[in-house]
Amino acid sequence: MILSDREIKKLIDDDIIKISPKPDFKKQLGSASLDLRLSGEFMVFNHTKKAYIDTRDPESFKDTTTLVKVSNKEPFVFHPGEFVLGATMEEIFLPDTICARIDGRSSLGRLGIIVHSTAGHIDPGFKGKLVLEMQNIGMIPILLYPETRICQLVFEELSSPTTRPYYKKQGAKYVNVKHPQESKLEKS
């Protein structure tokens, strides 16, 4: 069952779903979703330094990206065709009874911005910032600023608590994420 605005607000107010910093419900709460904002950190791919990435060779993952930081007043120039890893400003913690799905915002999608390529599901028990797999599929560079509402979360209640929350999974690779991170495929 997808949670409504009323249920989302109550679960956040009751500290069952934890969001830090606490959202401004007037600006961020939708009918059945919660908008999250863009941080000022981006992992930009070093495509001019790497001939390829070999998914069977962990050494080929090294130095694949460079961290770029922008201040709240400074834009990140998102070029056409570019793929970058971004992150949300907010850290979230989902209980063992709730999962979420990350979706793009229509207004940004209409400019050509995709915020997740494949990883749209957020497991119950996830804790940390969400890493965004972003691409500008438009034809014009877009200036993105920190604190822009970049994506929305749709929350779903599980029929019963999971026995394998993300933070307890052996080998969970992205627990307590604080910054955009490269792929940890080699740790699978």
C-alpha atoms as a PDB file:
ATOM      1  CA  MET A   1       0.000   0.000   0.000  1.00  0.00           C
ATOM      2  CA  ILE A   2       1.349   3.432  -0.973  1.00  0.00           C
ATOM      3  CA  LEU A   3       1.315   5.930   1.896  1.00  0.00           C
ATOM      4  CA  SER A   4      -0.634   9.182   1.625  1.00  0.00           C
ATOM      5  CA  ASP A   5       0.618  12.628   2.602  1.00  0.00           C
ATOM      6  CA  ARG A   6      -1.130  12.299   5.975  1.00  0.00           C
ATOM      7  CA  GLU A   7       0.587   8.975   6.731  1.00  0.00           C
ATOM      8  CA  ILE A   8       4.007  10.183   5.537  1.00  0.00           C
ATOM      9  CA  LYS A   9       3.819  13.289   7.744  1.00  0.00           C
ATOM     10  CA  LYS A  10       2.700  11.287  10.792  1.00  0.00           C
ATOM     11  CA  LEU A  11       5.456   8.685  10.384  1.00  0.00           C
ATOM     12  CA  ILE A  12       8.083  11.456  10.080  1.00  0.00           C
ATOM     13  CA  ASP A  13       6.619  13.435  13.009  1.00  0.00           C
ATOM     14  CA  ASP A  14       6.556  10.225  15.099  1.00  0.00           C
ATOM     15  CA  ASP A  15      10.218   9.571  14.136  1.00  0.00           C
ATOM     16  CA  ILE A  16       9.386   6.207  12.537  1.00  0.00           C
ATOM     17  CA  ILE A  17      10.635   7.367   9.144  1.00  0.00           C
ATOM     18  CA  LYS A  18      13.660   9.506   9.960  1.00  0.00           C
ATOM     19  CA  ILE A  19      14.595  12.382   7.655  1.00  0.00           C
ATOM     20  CA  SER A  20      17.417  14.776   8.499  1.00  0.00           C
ATOM     21  CA  PRO A  21      17.216  17.679   8.122  1.00  0.00           C
ATOM     22  CA  LYS A  22      13.489  17.510   8.775  1.00  0.00           C
ATOM     23  CA  PRO A  23      11.544  18.406   5.622  1.00  0.00           C
ATOM     24  CA  ASP A  24       9.512  21.559   5.148  1.00  0.00           C
ATOM     25  CA  PHE A  25       6.166  19.839   4.619  1.00  0.00           C
ATOM     26  CA  LYS A  26       4.622  22.899   2.936  1.00  0.00           C
ATOM     27  CA  LYS A  27       7.266  22.749   0.176  1.00  0.00           C
ATOM     28  CA  GLN A  28       8.282  19.069   0.099  1.00  0.00           C
ATOM     29  CA  LEU A  29       5.195  16.990   0.882  1.00  0.00           C
ATOM     30  CA  GLY A  30       3.095  15.906  -2.090  1.00  0.00           C
ATOM     31  CA  SER A  31      -0.179  13.966  -2.230  1.00  0.00           C
ATOM     32  CA  ALA A  32       1.580  10.620  -1.820  1.00  0.00           C
ATOM     33  CA  SER A  33       5.288  11.484  -1.932  1.00  0.00           C
ATOM     34  CA  LEU A  34       8.023  13.551  -0.316  1.00  0.00           C
ATOM     35  CA  ASP A  35      10.463  15.676  -2.323  1.00  0.00           C
ATOM     36  CA  LEU A  36      14.157  15.499  -1.431  1.00  0.00           C
ATOM     37  CA  ARG A  37      16.723  18.167  -2.267  1.00  0.00           C
ATOM     38  CA  LEU A  38      20.015  18.035  -4.133  1.00  0.00           C
ATOM     39  CA  SER A  39      23.296  18.265  -2.239  1.00  0.00           C
ATOM     40  CA  GLY A  40      26.263  20.185  -3.638  1.00  0.00           C
ATOM     41  CA  GLU A  41      28.437  17.110  -4.251  1.00  0.00           C
ATOM     42  CA  PHE A  42      28.783  15.257  -7.539  1.00  0.00           C
ATOM     43  CA  MET A  43      30.944  12.390  -8.735  1.00  0.00           C
ATOM     44  CA  VAL A  44      31.918  13.221 -12.322  1.00  0.00           C
ATOM     45  CA  PHE A  45      33.262  10.460 -14.538  1.00  0.00           C
ATOM     46  CA  ASN A  46      36.833  10.765 -15.844  1.00  0.00           C
ATOM     47  CA  HIS A  47      35.968   9.552 -19.332  1.00  0.00           C
ATOM     48  CA  THR A  48      39.099  11.131 -20.787  1.00  0.00           C
ATOM     49  CA  LYS A  49      41.371   9.153 -18.409  1.00  0.00           C
ATOM     50  CA  LYS A  50      39.763   5.723 -18.742  1.00  0.00           C
ATOM     51  CA  ALA A  51      39.515   3.706 -21.920  1.00  0.00           C
ATOM     52  CA  TYR A  52      36.980   1.339 -20.297  1.00  0.00           C
ATOM     53  CA  ILE A  53      35.637  -0.109 -17.056  1.00  0.00           C
ATOM     54  CA  ASP A  54      35.883  -3.889 -16.837  1.00  0.00           C
ATOM     55  CA  THR A  55      33.133  -5.243 -14.566  1.00  0.00           C
ATOM     56  CA  ARG A  56      35.319  -8.283 -13.787  1.00  0.00           C
ATOM     57  CA  ASP A  57      38.415  -6.245 -12.890  1.00  0.00           C
ATOM     58  CA  PRO A  58      38.134  -4.207  -9.650  1.00  0.00           C
ATOM     59  CA  GLU A  59      41.340  -2.352 -10.568  1.00  0.00           C
ATOM     60  CA  SER A  60      39.565  -0.774 -13.534  1.00  0.00           C
ATOM     61  CA  PHE A  61      37.123   0.902 -11.083  1.00  0.00           C
ATOM     62  CA  LYS A  62      39.878   2.976  -9.481  1.00  0.00           C
ATOM     63  CA  ASP A  63      40.024   6.682 -10.285  1.00  0.00           C
ATOM     64  CA  THR A  64      36.868   6.425 -12.361  1.00  0.00           C
ATOM     65  CA  THR A  65      35.353   9.587 -10.919  1.00  0.00           C
ATOM     66  CA  THR A  66      36.304  12.912  -9.368  1.00  0.00           C
ATOM     67  CA  LEU A  67      34.370  14.583  -6.569  1.00  0.00           C
ATOM     68  CA  VAL A  68      33.115  18.059  -7.496  1.00  0.00           C
ATOM     69  CA  LYS A  69      31.655  20.311  -4.798  1.00  0.00           C
ATOM     70  CA  VAL A  70      29.622  23.459  -5.400  1.00  0.00           C
ATOM     71  CA  SER A  71      28.396  25.983  -2.848  1.00  0.00           C
ATOM     72  CA  ASN A  72      24.705  26.754  -2.329  1.00  0.00           C
ATOM     73  CA  LYS A  73      24.973  29.846  -4.551  1.00  0.00           C
ATOM     74  CA  GLU A  74      27.033  28.190  -7.270  1.00  0.00           C
ATOM     75  CA  PRO A  75      25.561  26.037 -10.053  1.00  0.00           C
ATOM     76  CA  PHE A  76      26.684  22.623 -11.197  1.00  0.00           C
ATOM     77  CA  VAL A  77      26.769  22.739 -14.997  1.00  0.00           C
ATOM     78  CA  PHE A  78      25.115  19.556 -16.203  1.00  0.00           C
ATOM     79  CA  HIS A  79      26.099  19.037 -19.841  1.00  0.00           C
ATOM     80  CA  PRO A  80      24.028  17.193 -22.453  1.00  0.00           C
ATOM     81  CA  GLY A  81      24.698  13.450 -22.442  1.00  0.00           C
ATOM     82  CA  GLU A  82      26.620  13.685 -19.168  1.00  0.00           C
ATOM     83  CA  PHE A  83      26.132  11.027 -16.484  1.00  0.00           C
ATOM     84  CA  VAL A  84      27.008  11.974 -12.892  1.00  0.00           C
ATOM     85  CA  LEU A  85      26.373  10.661  -9.419  1.00  0.00           C
ATOM     86  CA  GLY A  86      24.700  13.154  -7.103  1.00  0.00           C
ATOM     87  CA  ALA A  87      23.206  12.818  -3.634  1.00  0.00           C
ATOM     88  CA  THR A  88      20.293  14.109  -1.643  1.00  0.00           C
ATOM     89  CA  MET A  89      20.806  16.708   1.088  1.00  0.00           C
ATOM     90  CA  GLU A  90      18.593  14.654   3.350  1.00  0.00           C
ATOM     91  CA  GLU A  91      19.626  11.471   5.094  1.00  0.00           C
ATOM     92  CA  ILE A  92      16.832   8.971   5.507  1.00  0.00           C
ATOM     93  CA  PHE A  93      16.213   5.942   7.676  1.00  0.00           C
ATOM     94  CA  LEU A  94      13.421   3.540   6.799  1.00  0.00           C
ATOM     95  CA  PRO A  95      12.040   1.149   9.410  1.00  0.00           C
ATOM     96  CA  ASP A  96      11.765  -2.606   8.811  1.00  0.00           C
ATOM     97  CA  THR A  97       8.134  -2.176   7.716  1.00  0.00           C
ATOM     98  CA  ILE A  98       8.503   0.469   4.972  1.00  0.00           C
ATOM     99  CA  CYS A  99      10.318   0.592   1.635  1.00  0.00           C
ATOM    100  CA  ALA A 100      10.419   3.490  -0.810  1.00  0.00           C
ATOM    101  CA  ARG A 101      10.754   4.205  -4.495  1.00  0.00           C
ATOM    102  CA  ILE A 102      12.661   7.161  -5.863  1.00  0.00           C
ATOM    103  CA  ASP A 103      11.135   8.983  -8.804  1.00  0.00           C
ATOM    104  CA  GLY A 104      12.180  12.009 -10.770  1.00  0.00           C
ATOM    105  CA  ARG A 105      10.227  15.236 -10.667  1.00  0.00           C
ATOM    106  CA  SER A 106       8.197  15.977 -13.779  1.00  0.00           C
ATOM    107  CA  SER A 107       9.330  19.604 -14.018  1.00  0.00           C
ATOM    108  CA  LEU A 108      12.996  18.543 -14.200  1.00  0.00           C
ATOM    109  CA  GLY A 109      12.212  15.572 -16.437  1.00  0.00           C
ATOM    110  CA  ARG A 110      10.722  17.998 -18.949  1.00  0.00           C
ATOM    111  CA  LEU A 111      14.140  19.663 -19.111  1.00  0.00           C
ATOM    112  CA  GLY A 112      15.815  16.296 -19.807  1.00  0.00           C
ATOM    113  CA  ILE A 113      17.037  15.343 -16.325  1.00  0.00           C
ATOM    114  CA  ILE A 114      16.795  11.721 -15.249  1.00  0.00           C
ATOM    115  CA  VAL A 115      17.583  11.182 -11.538  1.00  0.00           C
ATOM    116  CA  HIS A 116      17.855   7.411 -11.390  1.00  0.00           C
ATOM    117  CA  SER A 117      18.956   5.072 -14.114  1.00  0.00           C
ATOM    118  CA  THR A 118      18.196   1.730 -12.500  1.00  0.00           C
ATOM    119  CA  ALA A 119      18.251   1.888  -8.712  1.00  0.00           C
ATOM    120  CA  GLY A 120      14.772   3.177  -7.930  1.00  0.00           C
ATOM    121  CA  HIS A 121      13.973   0.821  -5.039  1.00  0.00           C
ATOM    122  CA  ILE A 122      15.038   1.645  -1.484  1.00  0.00           C
ATOM    123  CA  ASP A 123      15.021  -1.313   0.884  1.00  0.00           C
ATOM    124  CA  PRO A 124      13.413  -1.271   4.309  1.00  0.00           C
ATOM    125  CA  GLY A 125      16.162  -0.575   6.818  1.00  0.00           C
ATOM    126  CA  PHE A 126      18.118   1.726   4.477  1.00  0.00           C
ATOM    127  CA  LYS A 127      20.020   4.491   6.240  1.00  0.00           C
ATOM    128  CA  GLY A 128      21.946   7.331   4.601  1.00  0.00           C
ATOM    129  CA  LYS A 129      21.760   9.819   1.772  1.00  0.00           C
ATOM    130  CA  LEU A 130      20.380   8.610  -1.530  1.00  0.00           C
ATOM    131  CA  VAL A 131      22.854   8.505  -4.382  1.00  0.00           C
ATOM    132  CA  LEU A 132      21.282   9.742  -7.596  1.00  0.00           C
ATOM    133  CA  GLU A 133      22.299   8.227 -10.946  1.00  0.00           C
ATOM    134  CA  MET A 134      21.690  11.366 -12.977  1.00  0.00           C
ATOM    135  CA  GLN A 135      21.786  12.001 -16.695  1.00  0.00           C
ATOM    136  CA  ASN A 136      21.038  15.037 -18.840  1.00  0.00           C
ATOM    137  CA  ILE A 137      19.354  13.556 -21.899  1.00  0.00           C
ATOM    138  CA  GLY A 138      18.475  17.017 -23.216  1.00  0.00           C
ATOM    139  CA  MET A 139      20.357  19.039 -25.804  1.00  0.00           C
ATOM    140  CA  ILE A 140      21.203  22.065 -23.624  1.00  0.00           C
ATOM    141  CA  PRO A 141      23.417  22.373 -20.519  1.00  0.00           C
ATOM    142  CA  ILE A 142      21.340  22.776 -17.348  1.00  0.00           C
ATOM    143  CA  LEU A 143      22.459  24.659 -14.257  1.00  0.00           C
ATOM    144  CA  LEU A 144      21.575  22.727 -11.101  1.00  0.00           C
ATOM    145  CA  TYR A 145      21.817  24.307  -7.660  1.00  0.00           C
ATOM    146  CA  PRO A 146      22.122  22.683  -4.240  1.00  0.00           C
ATOM    147  CA  GLU A 147      18.839  22.602  -2.325  1.00  0.00           C
ATOM    148  CA  THR A 148      16.795  22.173  -5.543  1.00  0.00           C
ATOM    149  CA  ARG A 149      13.979  19.681  -5.028  1.00  0.00           C
ATOM    150  CA  ILE A 150      15.462  16.990  -7.270  1.00  0.00           C
ATOM    151  CA  CYS A 151      13.456  13.806  -6.654  1.00  0.00           C
ATOM    152  CA  GLN A 152      10.496  12.391  -4.800  1.00  0.00           C
ATOM    153  CA  LEU A 153      10.098   9.367  -2.568  1.00  0.00           C
ATOM    154  CA  VAL A 154       7.000   7.214  -2.683  1.00  0.00           C
ATOM    155  CA  PHE A 155       6.669   5.114   0.487  1.00  0.00           C
ATOM    156  CA  GLU A 156       5.096   1.672   0.643  1.00  0.00           C
ATOM    157  CA  GLU A 157       4.137  -0.312   3.718  1.00  0.00           C
ATOM    158  CA  LEU A 158       5.163  -3.970   3.817  1.00  0.00           C
ATOM    159  CA  SER A 159       2.589  -6.616   4.735  1.00  0.00           C
ATOM    160  CA  SER A 160       4.890  -7.647   7.608  1.00  0.00           C
ATOM    161  CA  PRO A 161       8.310  -6.487   8.869  1.00  0.00           C
ATOM    162  CA  THR A 162      11.209  -7.748   6.784  1.00  0.00           C
ATOM    163  CA  THR A 163      13.583 -10.271   8.321  1.00  0.00           C
ATOM    164  CA  ARG A 164      16.440  -8.749   6.284  1.00  0.00           C
ATOM    165  CA  PRO A 165      16.532  -4.959   6.731  1.00  0.00           C
ATOM    166  CA  TYR A 166      19.241  -3.352   4.617  1.00  0.00           C
ATOM    167  CA  TYR A 167      21.380  -2.205   7.560  1.00  0.00           C
ATOM    168  CA  LYS A 168      21.587  -5.833   8.817  1.00  0.00           C
ATOM    169  CA  LYS A 169      22.311  -7.488   5.448  1.00  0.00           C
ATOM    170  CA  GLN A 170      25.681  -9.153   5.298  1.00  0.00           C
ATOM    171  CA  GLY A 171      27.649  -7.430   2.558  1.00  0.00           C
ATOM    172  CA  ALA A 172      25.369  -4.370   2.305  1.00  0.00           C
ATOM    173  CA  LYS A 173      27.599  -1.974   0.353  1.00  0.00           C
ATOM    174  CA  TYR A 174      25.865   1.355   0.756  1.00  0.00           C
ATOM    175  CA  VAL A 175      25.009   1.684   4.459  1.00  0.00           C
ATOM    176  CA  ASN A 176      25.319   5.165   6.051  1.00  0.00           C
ATOM    177  CA  VAL A 177      26.179   6.893   2.781  1.00  0.00           C
ATOM    178  CA  LYS A 178      27.120  10.543   3.390  1.00  0.00           C
ATOM    179  CA  HIS A 179      28.383  11.508  -0.105  1.00  0.00           C
ATOM    180  CA  PRO A 180      27.904  10.285  -3.672  1.00  0.00           C
ATOM    181  CA  GLN A 181      29.880   7.071  -4.083  1.00  0.00           C
ATOM    182  CA  GLU A 182      31.201   5.095  -7.020  1.00  0.00           C
ATOM    183  CA  SER A 183      29.960   1.588  -7.810  1.00  0.00           C
ATOM    184  CA  LYS A 184      31.029  -1.130  -5.398  1.00  0.00           C
ATOM    185  CA  LEU A 185      30.274  -3.882  -7.894  1.00  0.00           C
ATOM    186  CA  GLU A 186      33.557  -5.599  -7.051  1.00  0.00           C
ATOM    187  CA  LYS A 187      32.253  -6.201  -3.488  1.00  0.00           C
ATOM    188  CA  SER A 188      29.266  -8.277  -4.697  1.00  0.00           C
END
